[in-house]
PDB file of N, CA and C in Angstrom:
ATOM      1  N   MET A   1       0.795  -1.120  -0.003  1.00  0.00           N
ATOM      2  CA  MET A   1      -0.166   0.207  -0.022  1.00  0.00           C
ATOM      3  C   MET A   1       0.900   1.079  -0.015  1.00  0.00           C
ATOM      4  N   SER A   2       0.792   2.088  -1.113  1.00  0.00           N
ATOM      5  CA  SER A   2       1.894   2.941  -1.177  1.00  0.00           C
ATOM      6  C   SER A   2       0.833   4.407  -1.500  1.00  0.00           C
ATOM      7  N   GLY A   3       1.258   5.734  -1.125  1.00  0.00           N
ATOM      8  CA  GLY A   3       0.659   6.529  -1.624  1.00  0.00           C
ATOM      9  C   GLY A   3      -1.009   7.126  -1.024  1.00  0.00           C
ATOM     10  N   GLY A   4      -1.426   6.287   0.121  1.00  0.00           N
ATOM     11  CA  GLY A   4      -2.782   6.680   0.549  1.00  0.00           C
ATOM     12  C   GLY A   4      -2.616   5.471   2.044  1.00  0.00           C
ATOM     13  N   ASP A   5      -3.856   6.183   2.303  1.00  0.00           N
ATOM     14  CA  ASP A   5      -4.177   5.507   3.818  1.00  0.00           C
ATOM     15  C   ASP A   5      -5.575   4.558   3.854  1.00  0.00           C
ATOM     16  N   TRP A   6      -5.118   3.442   3.935  1.00  0.00           N
ATOM     17  CA  TRP A   6      -6.676   2.333   3.757  1.00  0.00           C
ATOM     18  C   TRP A   6      -7.649   2.885   5.065  1.00  0.00           C
ATOM     19  N   LYS A   7      -7.308   3.046   5.927  1.00  0.00           N
ATOM     20  CA  LYS A   7      -8.143   3.359   7.233  1.00  0.00           C
ATOM     21  C   LYS A   7      -8.980   4.775   6.726  1.00  0.00           C
ATOM     22  N   ASP A   8      -8.107   5.544   6.226  1.00  0.00           N
ATOM     23  CA  ASP A   8      -8.885   6.641   5.652  1.00  0.00           C
ATOM     24  C   ASP A   8      -9.584   6.739   4.816  1.00  0.00           C
ATOM     25  N   MET A   9      -9.753   5.886   3.558  1.00  0.00           N
ATOM     26  CA  MET A   9     -10.469   5.597   2.965  1.00  0.00           C
ATOM     27  C   MET A   9     -11.728   4.834   3.094  1.00  0.00           C
ATOM     28  N   VAL A  10     -11.817   4.074   4.143  1.00  0.00           N
ATOM     29  CA  VAL A  10     -12.538   3.285   4.687  1.00  0.00           C
ATOM     30  C   VAL A  10     -13.629   4.170   5.617  1.00  0.00           C
ATOM     31  N   ARG A  11     -12.916   5.005   6.033  1.00  0.00           N
ATOM     32  CA  ARG A  11     -13.640   6.336   6.828  1.00  0.00           C
ATOM     33  C   ARG A  11     -14.243   7.086   5.980  1.00  0.00           C
ATOM     34  N   ALA A  12     -13.761   7.306   4.799  1.00  0.00           N
ATOM     35  CA  ALA A  12     -14.398   8.050   3.703  1.00  0.00           C
ATOM     36  C   ALA A  12     -15.904   7.386   3.020  1.00  0.00           C
ATOM     37  N   ILE A  13     -15.460   6.158   2.824  1.00  0.00           N
ATOM     38  CA  ILE A  13     -16.828   5.321   2.524  1.00  0.00           C
ATOM     39  C   ILE A  13     -17.552   5.368   3.436  1.00  0.00           C
ATOM     40  N   GLN A  14     -17.342   5.265   4.793  1.00  0.00           N
ATOM     41  CA  GLN A  14     -18.579   5.400   5.823  1.00  0.00           C
ATOM     42  C   GLN A  14     -19.340   6.883   5.837  1.00  0.00           C
ATOM     43  N   ASN A  15     -18.620   7.803   5.317  1.00  0.00           N
ATOM     44  CA  ASN A  15     -19.232   9.088   5.423  1.00  0.00           C
ATOM     45  C   ASN A  15     -19.685   9.371   4.145  1.00  0.00           C
ATOM     46  N   GLY A  16     -19.545   8.887   3.047  1.00  0.00           N
ATOM     47  CA  GLY A  16     -19.990   9.041   1.554  1.00  0.00           C
ATOM     48  C   GLY A  16     -19.311  10.132   0.844  1.00  0.00           C
ATOM     49  N   LYS A  17     -17.795  10.052   1.303  1.00  0.00           N
ATOM     50  CA  LYS A  17     -16.671  11.433   0.485  1.00  0.00           C
ATOM     51  C   LYS A  17     -16.336  10.790  -0.718  1.00  0.00           C
ATOM     52  N   ILE A  18     -16.628  10.260  -1.934  1.00  0.00           N
ATOM     53  CA  ILE A  18     -16.273   9.760  -2.793  1.00  0.00           C
ATOM     54  C   ILE A  18     -15.059  10.290  -3.440  1.00  0.00           C
ATOM     55  N   GLU A  19     -14.988  11.339  -3.327  1.00  0.00           N
ATOM     56  CA  GLU A  19     -13.614  12.162  -3.709  1.00  0.00           C
ATOM     57  C   GLU A  19     -12.380  11.530  -3.017  1.00  0.00           C
ATOM     58  N   ILE A  20     -12.426  11.395  -1.856  1.00  0.00           N
ATOM     59  CA  ILE A  20     -11.364  11.062  -0.964  1.00  0.00           C
ATOM     60  C   ILE A  20     -11.060   9.647  -1.194  1.00  0.00           C
ATOM     61  N   VAL A  21     -12.086   8.823  -1.508  1.00  0.00           N
ATOM     62  CA  VAL A  21     -11.829   7.307  -2.119  1.00  0.00           C
ATOM     63  C   VAL A  21     -11.179   7.341  -3.018  1.00  0.00           C
ATOM     64  N   LYS A  22     -11.680   8.237  -4.179  1.00  0.00           N
ATOM     65  CA  LYS A  22     -10.835   8.281  -5.640  1.00  0.00           C
ATOM     66  C   LYS A  22      -9.645   8.661  -5.333  1.00  0.00           C
ATOM     67  N   TYR A  23      -9.307   9.668  -4.660  1.00  0.00           N
ATOM     68  CA  TYR A  23      -7.716  10.287  -4.202  1.00  0.00           C
ATOM     69  C   TYR A  23      -6.873   8.879  -3.776  1.00  0.00           C
ATOM     70  N   HIS A  24      -7.526   8.056  -2.930  1.00  0.00           N
ATOM     71  CA  HIS A  24      -6.849   6.562  -2.568  1.00  0.00           C
ATOM     72  C   HIS A  24      -6.777   5.492  -3.539  1.00  0.00           C
ATOM     73  N   ILE A  25      -7.506   5.431  -4.059  1.00  0.00           N
ATOM     74  CA  ILE A  25      -7.482   4.476  -5.474  1.00  0.00           C
ATOM     75  C   ILE A  25      -6.610   5.126  -6.267  1.00  0.00           C
ATOM     76  N   ALA A  26      -6.487   6.335  -6.601  1.00  0.00           N
ATOM     77  CA  ALA A  26      -5.867   6.810  -7.459  1.00  0.00           C
ATOM     78  C   ALA A  26      -4.150   6.654  -7.021  1.00  0.00           C
ATOM     79  N   ASN A  27      -4.136   6.649  -5.858  1.00  0.00           N
ATOM     80  CA  ASN A  27      -2.688   6.600  -5.216  1.00  0.00           C
ATOM     81  C   ASN A  27      -2.460   5.429  -4.393  1.00  0.00           C
ATOM     82  N   GLY A  28      -2.703   4.295  -5.107  1.00  0.00           N
ATOM     83  CA  GLY A  28      -2.436   2.916  -5.061  1.00  0.00           C
ATOM     84  C   GLY A  28      -3.064   2.068  -3.695  1.00  0.00           C
ATOM     85  N   ILE A  29      -4.258   2.639  -3.273  1.00  0.00           N
ATOM     86  CA  ILE A  29      -4.834   1.710  -2.406  1.00  0.00           C
ATOM     87  C   ILE A  29      -5.613   0.564  -3.186  1.00  0.00           C
ATOM     88  N   ASP A  30      -5.301  -0.690  -2.546  1.00  0.00           N
ATOM     89  CA  ASP A  30      -5.930  -1.836  -2.890  1.00  0.00           C
ATOM     90  C   ASP A  30      -7.217  -2.189  -2.505  1.00  0.00           C
ATOM     91  N   PRO A  31      -8.260  -1.618  -3.684  1.00  0.00           N
ATOM     92  CA  PRO A  31      -9.594  -2.105  -2.934  1.00  0.00           C
ATOM     93  C   PRO A  31     -10.144  -3.231  -2.570  1.00  0.00           C
ATOM     94  N   ASN A  32      -9.392  -4.324  -2.700  1.00  0.00           N
ATOM     95  CA  ASN A  32      -9.637  -5.902  -2.360  1.00  0.00           C
ATOM     96  C   ASN A  32      -8.791  -6.142  -0.878  1.00  0.00           C
ATOM     97  N   TYR A  33      -7.940  -5.227  -0.538  1.00  0.00           N
ATOM     98  CA  TYR A  33      -7.477  -5.304   0.979  1.00  0.00           C
ATOM     99  C   TYR A  33      -8.174  -5.475   2.055  1.00  0.00           C
ATOM    100  N   GLU A  34      -8.034  -6.572   2.915  1.00  0.00           N
ATOM    101  CA  GLU A  34      -8.786  -6.481   4.022  1.00  0.00           C
ATOM    102  C   GLU A  34      -7.828  -6.328   5.306  1.00  0.00           C
ATOM    103  N   HIS A  35      -8.380  -5.493   6.056  1.00  0.00           N
ATOM    104  CA  HIS A  35      -7.429  -4.992   7.376  1.00  0.00           C
ATOM    105  C   HIS A  35      -7.489  -5.917   8.456  1.00  0.00           C
ATOM    106  N   PRO A  36      -6.345  -6.632   8.939  1.00  0.00           N
ATOM    107  CA  PRO A  36      -6.501  -7.305   9.717  1.00  0.00           C
ATOM    108  C   PRO A  36      -7.006  -6.955  11.201  1.00  0.00           C
ATOM    109  N   GLU A  37      -6.989  -5.749  11.445  1.00  0.00           N
ATOM    110  CA  GLU A  37      -7.822  -5.153  12.340  1.00  0.00           C
ATOM    111  C   GLU A  37      -9.388  -5.180  12.306  1.00  0.00           C
ATOM    112  N   LEU A  38      -9.732  -4.725  11.110  1.00  0.00           N
ATOM    113  CA  LEU A  38     -11.429  -4.727  10.982  1.00  0.00           C
ATOM    114  C   LEU A  38     -12.013  -5.689  10.128  1.00  0.00           C
ATOM    115  N   TYR A  39     -11.193  -6.482   9.517  1.00  0.00           N
ATOM    116  CA  TYR A  39     -11.876  -7.837   8.540  1.00  0.00           C
ATOM    117  C   TYR A  39     -13.044  -7.164   7.926  1.00  0.00           C
ATOM    118  N   THR A  40     -12.822  -6.391   7.452  1.00  0.00           N
ATOM    119  CA  THR A  40     -13.694  -5.581   6.085  1.00  0.00           C
ATOM    120  C   THR A  40     -12.987  -5.369   4.884  1.00  0.00           C
ATOM    121  N   THR A  41     -13.692  -5.279   4.004  1.00  0.00           N
ATOM    122  CA  THR A  41     -13.306  -4.741   2.834  1.00  0.00           C
ATOM    123  C   THR A  41     -13.897  -3.246   2.064  1.00  0.00           C
ATOM    124  N   PRO A  42     -13.217  -2.701   1.664  1.00  0.00           N
ATOM    125  CA  PRO A  42     -14.103  -1.276   1.037  1.00  0.00           C
ATOM    126  C   PRO A  42     -15.336  -1.264   0.389  1.00  0.00           C
ATOM    127  N   LEU A  43     -15.311  -2.641  -0.164  1.00  0.00           N
ATOM    128  CA  LEU A  43     -16.617  -2.769  -1.226  1.00  0.00           C
ATOM    129  C   LEU A  43     -17.667  -3.246  -0.078  1.00  0.00           C
ATOM    130  N   ILE A  44     -17.469  -4.189   0.927  1.00  0.00           N
ATOM    131  CA  ILE A  44     -18.415  -4.536   1.716  1.00  0.00           C
ATOM    132  C   ILE A  44     -18.904  -3.333   2.749  1.00  0.00           C
ATOM    133  N   GLU A  45     -18.049  -2.405   2.742  1.00  0.00           N
ATOM    134  CA  GLU A  45     -18.079  -1.326   3.649  1.00  0.00           C
ATOM    135  C   GLU A  45     -19.520  -0.484   2.803  1.00  0.00           C
ATOM    136  N   SER A  46     -19.187  -0.088   1.512  1.00  0.00           N
ATOM    137  CA  SER A  46     -20.042   0.468   0.762  1.00  0.00           C
ATOM    138  C   SER A  46     -21.294   0.105   0.582  1.00  0.00           C
ATOM    139  N   ILE A  47     -21.291  -1.637   0.390  1.00  0.00           N
ATOM    140  CA  ILE A  47     -22.765  -1.949   0.468  1.00  0.00           C
ATOM    141  C   ILE A  47     -23.470  -1.707   1.764  1.00  0.00           C
ATOM    142  N   LEU A  48     -22.579  -1.761   3.015  1.00  0.00           N
ATOM    143  CA  LEU A  48     -23.166  -1.907   4.267  1.00  0.00           C
ATOM    144  C   LEU A  48     -23.729  -0.699   4.430  1.00  0.00           C
ATOM    145  N   ARG A  49     -22.816   0.528   3.760  1.00  0.00           N
ATOM    146  CA  ARG A  49     -23.532   2.011   3.933  1.00  0.00           C
ATOM    147  C   ARG A  49     -24.464   2.412   2.765  1.00  0.00           C
ATOM    148  N   ASP A  50     -25.066   1.193   2.141  1.00  0.00           N
ATOM    149  CA  ASP A  50     -25.593   1.331   0.665  1.00  0.00           C
ATOM    150  C   ASP A  50     -25.620   2.773  -0.018  1.00  0.00           C
ATOM    151  N   ASP A  51     -24.175   2.879  -0.263  1.00  0.00           N
ATOM    152  CA  ASP A  51     -23.882   4.004  -1.431  1.00  0.00           C
ATOM    153  C   ASP A  51     -23.477   3.363  -2.536  1.00  0.00           C
ATOM    154  N   LEU A  52     -24.396   3.564  -3.488  1.00  0.00           N
ATOM    155  CA  LEU A  52     -24.237   2.780  -4.777  1.00  0.00           C
ATOM    156  C   LEU A  52     -23.416   3.612  -5.741  1.00  0.00           C
ATOM    157  N   GLU A  53     -22.824   5.040  -5.366  1.00  0.00           N
ATOM    158  CA  GLU A  53     -22.181   5.351  -6.314  1.00  0.00           C
ATOM    159  C   GLU A  53     -20.725   4.925  -5.655  1.00  0.00           C
ATOM    160  N   ILE A  54     -20.419   4.885  -4.701  1.00  0.00           N
ATOM    161  CA  ILE A  54     -19.035   4.463  -4.160  1.00  0.00           C
ATOM    162  C   ILE A  54     -18.645   3.011  -4.567  1.00  0.00           C
ATOM    163  N   THR A  55     -19.629   2.046  -4.393  1.00  0.00           N
ATOM    164  CA  THR A  55     -19.863   0.633  -4.814  1.00  0.00           C
ATOM    165  C   THR A  55     -19.516   0.702  -6.343  1.00  0.00           C
ATOM    166  N   ALA A  56     -20.216   1.394  -7.090  1.00  0.00           N
ATOM    167  CA  ALA A  56     -19.881   1.275  -8.803  1.00  0.00           C
ATOM    168  C   ALA A  56     -18.309   1.576  -8.931  1.00  0.00           C
ATOM    169  N   TYR A  57     -17.900   2.802  -8.097  1.00  0.00           N
ATOM    170  CA  TYR A  57     -16.653   2.998  -8.211  1.00  0.00           C
ATOM    171  C   TYR A  57     -15.691   2.360  -7.672  1.00  0.00           C
ATOM    172  N   LEU A  58     -15.965   1.541  -6.703  1.00  0.00           N
ATOM    173  CA  LEU A  58     -14.890   0.418  -6.569  1.00  0.00           C
ATOM    174  C   LEU A  58     -14.958  -0.813  -7.465  1.00  0.00           C
ATOM    175  N   LEU A  59     -15.944  -1.065  -7.845  1.00  0.00           N
ATOM    176  CA  LEU A  59     -16.073  -2.077  -8.660  1.00  0.00           C
ATOM    177  C   LEU A  59     -15.403  -1.869 -10.257  1.00  0.00           C
ATOM    178  N   GLU A  60     -15.979  -0.809 -10.350  1.00  0.00           N
ATOM    179  CA  GLU A  60     -15.016   0.136 -11.896  1.00  0.00           C
ATOM    180  C   GLU A  60     -13.316  -0.183 -11.721  1.00  0.00           C
ATOM    181  N   ASN A  61     -13.297  -0.044 -10.555  1.00  0.00           N
ATOM    182  CA  ASN A  61     -11.412   0.283 -10.124  1.00  0.00           C
ATOM    183  C   ASN A  61     -11.038  -1.120  -9.717  1.00  0.00           C
ATOM    184  N   GLY A  62     -11.623  -2.295  -9.960  1.00  0.00           N
ATOM    185  CA  GLY A  62     -11.125  -3.598  -9.415  1.00  0.00           C
ATOM    186  C   GLY A  62     -11.460  -4.517  -8.240  1.00  0.00           C
ATOM    187  N   ALA A  63     -12.425  -3.493  -7.289  1.00  0.00           N
ATOM    188  CA  ALA A  63     -13.015  -4.442  -6.413  1.00  0.00           C
ATOM    189  C   ALA A  63     -13.400  -5.581  -6.699  1.00  0.00           C
ATOM    190  N   ASP A  64     -13.220  -6.858  -5.916  1.00  0.00           N
ATOM    191  CA  ASP A  64     -13.667  -8.062  -6.262  1.00  0.00           C
ATOM    192  C   ASP A  64     -14.876  -8.402  -5.933  1.00  0.00           C
ATOM    193  N   PRO A  65     -16.173  -8.498  -6.656  1.00  0.00           N
ATOM    194  CA  PRO A  65     -17.460  -8.616  -5.855  1.00  0.00           C
ATOM    195  C   PRO A  65     -17.624 -10.194  -5.332  1.00  0.00           C
ATOM    196  N   LYS A  66     -16.343 -10.890  -5.510  1.00  0.00           N
ATOM    197  CA  LYS A  66     -16.729 -12.208  -5.003  1.00  0.00           C
ATOM    198  C   LYS A  66     -15.827 -12.403  -3.631  1.00  0.00           C
ATOM    199  N   LEU A  67     -15.295 -11.232  -3.219  1.00  0.00           N
ATOM    200  CA  LEU A  67     -14.486 -11.393  -1.983  1.00  0.00           C
ATOM    201  C   LEU A  67     -15.065 -11.461  -0.841  1.00  0.00           C
ATOM    202  N   LYS A  68     -14.918 -12.481   0.106  1.00  0.00           N
ATOM    203  CA  LYS A  68     -15.672 -12.555   1.322  1.00  0.00           C
ATOM    204  C   LYS A  68     -15.302 -11.937   2.361  1.00  0.00           C
ATOM    205  N   SER A  69     -15.905 -11.598   3.393  1.00  0.00           N
ATOM    206  CA  SER A  69     -15.473 -10.535   4.260  1.00  0.00           C
ATOM    207  C   SER A  69     -14.911 -11.620   5.433  1.00  0.00           C
ATOM    208  N   GLY A  70     -13.660 -11.340   5.692  1.00  0.00           N
ATOM    209  CA  GLY A  70     -13.106 -12.505   6.946  1.00  0.00           C
ATOM    210  C   GLY A  70     -13.452 -12.252   8.445  1.00  0.00           C
ATOM    211  N   PHE A  71     -14.523 -11.293   8.360  1.00  0.00           N
ATOM    212  CA  PHE A  71     -15.228 -11.496   9.599  1.00  0.00           C
ATOM    213  C   PHE A  71     -16.094 -12.613  10.073  1.00  0.00           C
ATOM    214  N   ASN A  72     -17.218 -12.706   9.130  1.00  0.00           N
ATOM    215  CA  ASN A  72     -18.426 -13.472   8.721  1.00  0.00           C
ATOM    216  C   ASN A  72     -18.199 -14.464   7.659  1.00  0.00           C
ATOM    217  N   LEU A  73     -17.366 -14.103   6.657  1.00  0.00           N
ATOM    218  CA  LEU A  73     -17.266 -14.971   5.502  1.00  0.00           C
ATOM    219  C   LEU A  73     -18.648 -14.615   4.554  1.00  0.00           C
ATOM    220  N   GLU A  74     -19.115 -13.598   4.758  1.00  0.00           N
ATOM    221  CA  GLU A  74     -20.308 -13.142   4.082  1.00  0.00           C
ATOM    222  C   GLU A  74     -19.728 -12.361   2.473  1.00  0.00           C
ATOM    223  N   GLU A  75     -20.462 -12.966   1.359  1.00  0.00           N
ATOM    224  CA  GLU A  75     -20.116 -12.323   0.033  1.00  0.00           C
ATOM    225  C   GLU A  75     -20.633 -11.144   0.070  1.00  0.00           C
ATOM    226  N   PRO A  76     -20.270  -9.994  -0.941  1.00  0.00           N
ATOM    227  CA  PRO A  76     -20.898  -8.677  -0.790  1.00  0.00           C
ATOM    228  C   PRO A  76     -22.355  -8.782  -1.720  1.00  0.00           C
ATOM    229  N   LEU A  77     -22.676  -9.932  -2.552  1.00  0.00           N
ATOM    230  CA  LEU A  77     -24.149 -10.426  -2.945  1.00  0.00           C
ATOM    231  C   LEU A  77     -24.657 -10.431  -1.951  1.00  0.00           C
ATOM    232  N   GLY A  78     -24.025 -11.546  -1.086  1.00  0.00           N
ATOM    233  CA  GLY A  78     -25.124 -11.823  -0.005  1.00  0.00           C
ATOM    234  C   GLY A  78     -25.430 -10.876   0.718  1.00  0.00           C
ATOM    235  N   ILE A  79     -24.584  -9.951   1.426  1.00  0.00           N
ATOM    236  CA  ILE A  79     -24.989  -8.744   1.881  1.00  0.00           C
ATOM    237  C   ILE A  79     -25.800  -8.142   1.517  1.00  0.00           C
ATOM    238  N   ALA A  80     -25.951  -7.505   0.339  1.00  0.00           N
ATOM    239  CA  ALA A  80     -26.894  -6.656  -0.491  1.00  0.00           C
ATOM    240  C   ALA A  80     -28.478  -7.768  -0.474  1.00  0.00           C
ATOM    241  N   LYS A  81     -28.302  -8.720  -0.409  1.00  0.00           N
ATOM    242  CA  LYS A  81     -29.473  -9.683  -0.651  1.00  0.00           C
ATOM    243  C   LYS A  81     -30.224  -9.268   0.914  1.00  0.00           C
ATOM    244  N   ARG A  82     -29.188  -9.627   1.897  1.00  0.00           N
ATOM    245  CA  ARG A  82     -29.601  -9.738   3.363  1.00  0.00           C
ATOM    246  C   ARG A  82     -30.186  -8.156   3.703  1.00  0.00           C
ATOM    247  N   LEU A  83     -29.877  -7.321   3.261  1.00  0.00           N
ATOM    248  CA  LEU A  83     -30.210  -5.731   3.438  1.00  0.00           C
ATOM    249  C   LEU A  83     -31.519  -5.714   2.430  1.00  0.00           C
ATOM    250  N   LYS A  84     -31.797  -6.591   1.362  1.00  0.00           N
ATOM    251  CA  LYS A  84     -32.746  -6.311   0.391  1.00  0.00           C
ATOM    252  C   LYS A  84     -32.554  -5.122  -0.429  1.00  0.00           C
ATOM    253  N   ASN A  85     -31.557  -4.908  -0.670  1.00  0.00           N
ATOM    254  CA  ASN A  85     -31.005  -3.517  -1.566  1.00  0.00           C
ATOM    255  C   ASN A  85     -31.122  -4.499  -3.153  1.00  0.00           C
ATOM    256  N   LYS A  86     -32.086  -4.281  -3.837  1.00  0.00           N
ATOM    257  CA  LYS A  86     -32.175  -4.708  -4.963  1.00  0.00           C
ATOM    258  C   LYS A  86     -31.301  -4.108  -6.113  1.00  0.00           C
ATOM    259  N   GLU A  87     -31.085  -2.643  -5.797  1.00  0.00           N
ATOM    260  CA  GLU A  87     -30.548  -1.485  -6.607  1.00  0.00           C
ATOM    261  C   GLU A  87     -28.857  -2.158  -6.563  1.00  0.00           C
ATOM    262  N   MET A  88     -28.433  -2.621  -5.136  1.00  0.00           N
ATOM    263  CA  MET A  88     -27.394  -3.132  -5.069  1.00  0.00           C
ATOM    264  C   MET A  88     -26.736  -4.241  -5.732  1.00  0.00           C
ATOM    265  N   MET A  89     -27.732  -5.218  -5.383  1.00  0.00           N
ATOM    266  CA  MET A  89     -27.928  -6.358  -6.036  1.00  0.00           C
ATOM    267  C   MET A  89     -27.462  -6.545  -7.715  1.00  0.00           C
ATOM    268  N   LYS A  90     -28.167  -5.730  -8.142  1.00  0.00           N
ATOM    269  CA  LYS A  90     -28.366  -5.821  -9.613  1.00  0.00           C
ATOM    270  C   LYS A  90     -26.849  -5.078 -10.345  1.00  0.00           C
ATOM    271  N   LEU A  91     -26.175  -4.148  -9.446  1.00  0.00           N
ATOM    272  CA  LEU A  91     -25.059  -3.636  -9.612  1.00  0.00           C
ATOM    273  C   LEU A  91     -24.076  -4.617  -9.632  1.00  0.00           C
ATOM    274  N   LEU A  92     -23.974  -5.410  -8.483  1.00  0.00           N
ATOM    275  CA  LEU A  92     -23.218  -6.395  -7.954  1.00  0.00           C
ATOM    276  C   LEU A  92     -22.914  -7.482  -9.313  1.00  0.00           C
ATOM    277  N   LYS A  93     -24.062  -8.270  -9.490  1.00  0.00           N
ATOM    278  CA  LYS A  93     -24.454  -9.205 -10.342  1.00  0.00           C
ATOM    279  C   LYS A  93     -23.837  -8.635 -11.605  1.00  0.00           C
ATOM    280  N   SER A  94     -23.952  -7.360 -12.113  1.00  0.00           N
ATOM    281  CA  SER A  94     -23.244  -7.097 -13.466  1.00  0.00           C
ATOM    282  C   SER A  94     -21.931  -7.375 -13.725  1.00  0.00           C
ATOM    283  N   TYR A  95     -21.325  -7.127 -12.488  1.00  0.00           N
ATOM    284  CA  TYR A  95     -19.623  -7.459 -12.108  1.00  0.00           C
ATOM    285  C   TYR A  95     -19.377  -8.958 -11.809  1.00  0.00           C
ATOM    286  N   ILE A  96     -20.438  -9.941 -11.846  1.00  0.00           N
ATOM    287  CA  ILE A  96     -19.921 -11.471 -11.247  1.00  0.00           C
ATOM    288  C   ILE A  96     -20.424 -12.329 -12.605  1.00  0.00           C
ATOM    289  N   PRO A  97     -19.304 -12.797 -12.837  1.00  0.00           N
ATOM    290  CA  PRO A  97     -19.816 -13.886 -13.933  1.00  0.00           C
ATOM    291  C   PRO A  97     -20.914 -14.892 -13.904  1.00  0.00           C
ATOM    292  N   LYS A  98     -21.808 -15.063 -14.429  1.00  0.00           N
ATOM    293  CA  LYS A  98     -22.935 -16.204 -14.188  1.00  0.00           C
ATOM    294  C   LYS A  98     -22.632 -17.144 -13.579  1.00  0.00           C
ATOM    295  N   LYS A  99     -21.601 -17.700 -13.932  1.00  0.00           N
ATOM    296  CA  LYS A  99     -21.211 -19.285 -12.940  1.00  0.00           C
ATOM    297  C   LYS A  99     -20.866 -19.195 -11.998  1.00  0.00           C
ATOM    298  N   TYR A 100     -20.725 -17.911 -11.279  1.00  0.00           N
ATOM    299  CA  TYR A 100     -20.416 -17.735  -9.664  1.00  0.00           C
ATOM    300  C   TYR A 100     -21.784 -17.420  -8.953  1.00  0.00           C
ATOM    301  N   ILE A 101     -22.769 -17.014  -9.764  1.00  0.00           N
ATOM    302  CA  ILE A 101     -24.126 -16.605  -8.782  1.00  0.00           C
ATOM    303  C   ILE A 101     -24.715 -17.751  -8.581  1.00  0.00           C
ATOM    304  N   TRP A 102     -24.777 -17.665  -7.232  1.00  0.00           N
ATOM    305  CA  TRP A 102     -25.821 -19.070  -6.824  1.00  0.00           C
ATOM    306  C   TRP A 102     -27.376 -18.950  -7.157  1.00  0.00           C
ATOM    307  N   SER A 103     -27.849 -19.925  -7.560  1.00  0.00           N
ATOM    308  CA  SER A 103     -29.385 -19.860  -7.729  1.00  0.00           C
ATOM    309  C   SER A 103     -29.939 -19.113  -6.897  1.00  0.00           C
ATOM    310  N   TRP A 104     -30.146 -19.291  -5.419  1.00  0.00           N
ATOM    311  CA  TRP A 104     -30.590 -18.844  -4.370  1.00  0.00           C
ATOM    312  C   TRP A 104     -30.392 -17.295  -4.177  1.00  0.00           C
ATOM    313  N   LEU A 105     -29.552 -16.652  -4.780  1.00  0.00           N
ATOM    314  CA  LEU A 105     -29.177 -15.224  -4.771  1.00  0.00           C
ATOM    315  C   LEU A 105     -30.142 -14.486  -5.722  1.00  0.00           C
TER     316      LEU A 105
END
């Protein structure tokens, strides 16, 4: 991780500050990194915060929509489903090859 601060980026996601998220991604923060203290990913945080814009930006910049949370092993699509967020589910499905989408989702 160079040129940015992962925790600051996650705080920006939690506060809906897309410009700060863009700054950190542009400066090398890995959108798939999971901090060993927080057991979450930027993508999961954006889904939990119901921020479609940041979620789309992260996906466009390499966030893996199949990457599970280390805390509870929940996948991004499963989180969106649990939250009954149909827009988020549709967005995530557009980035997941059909062979990975389980029929129950």
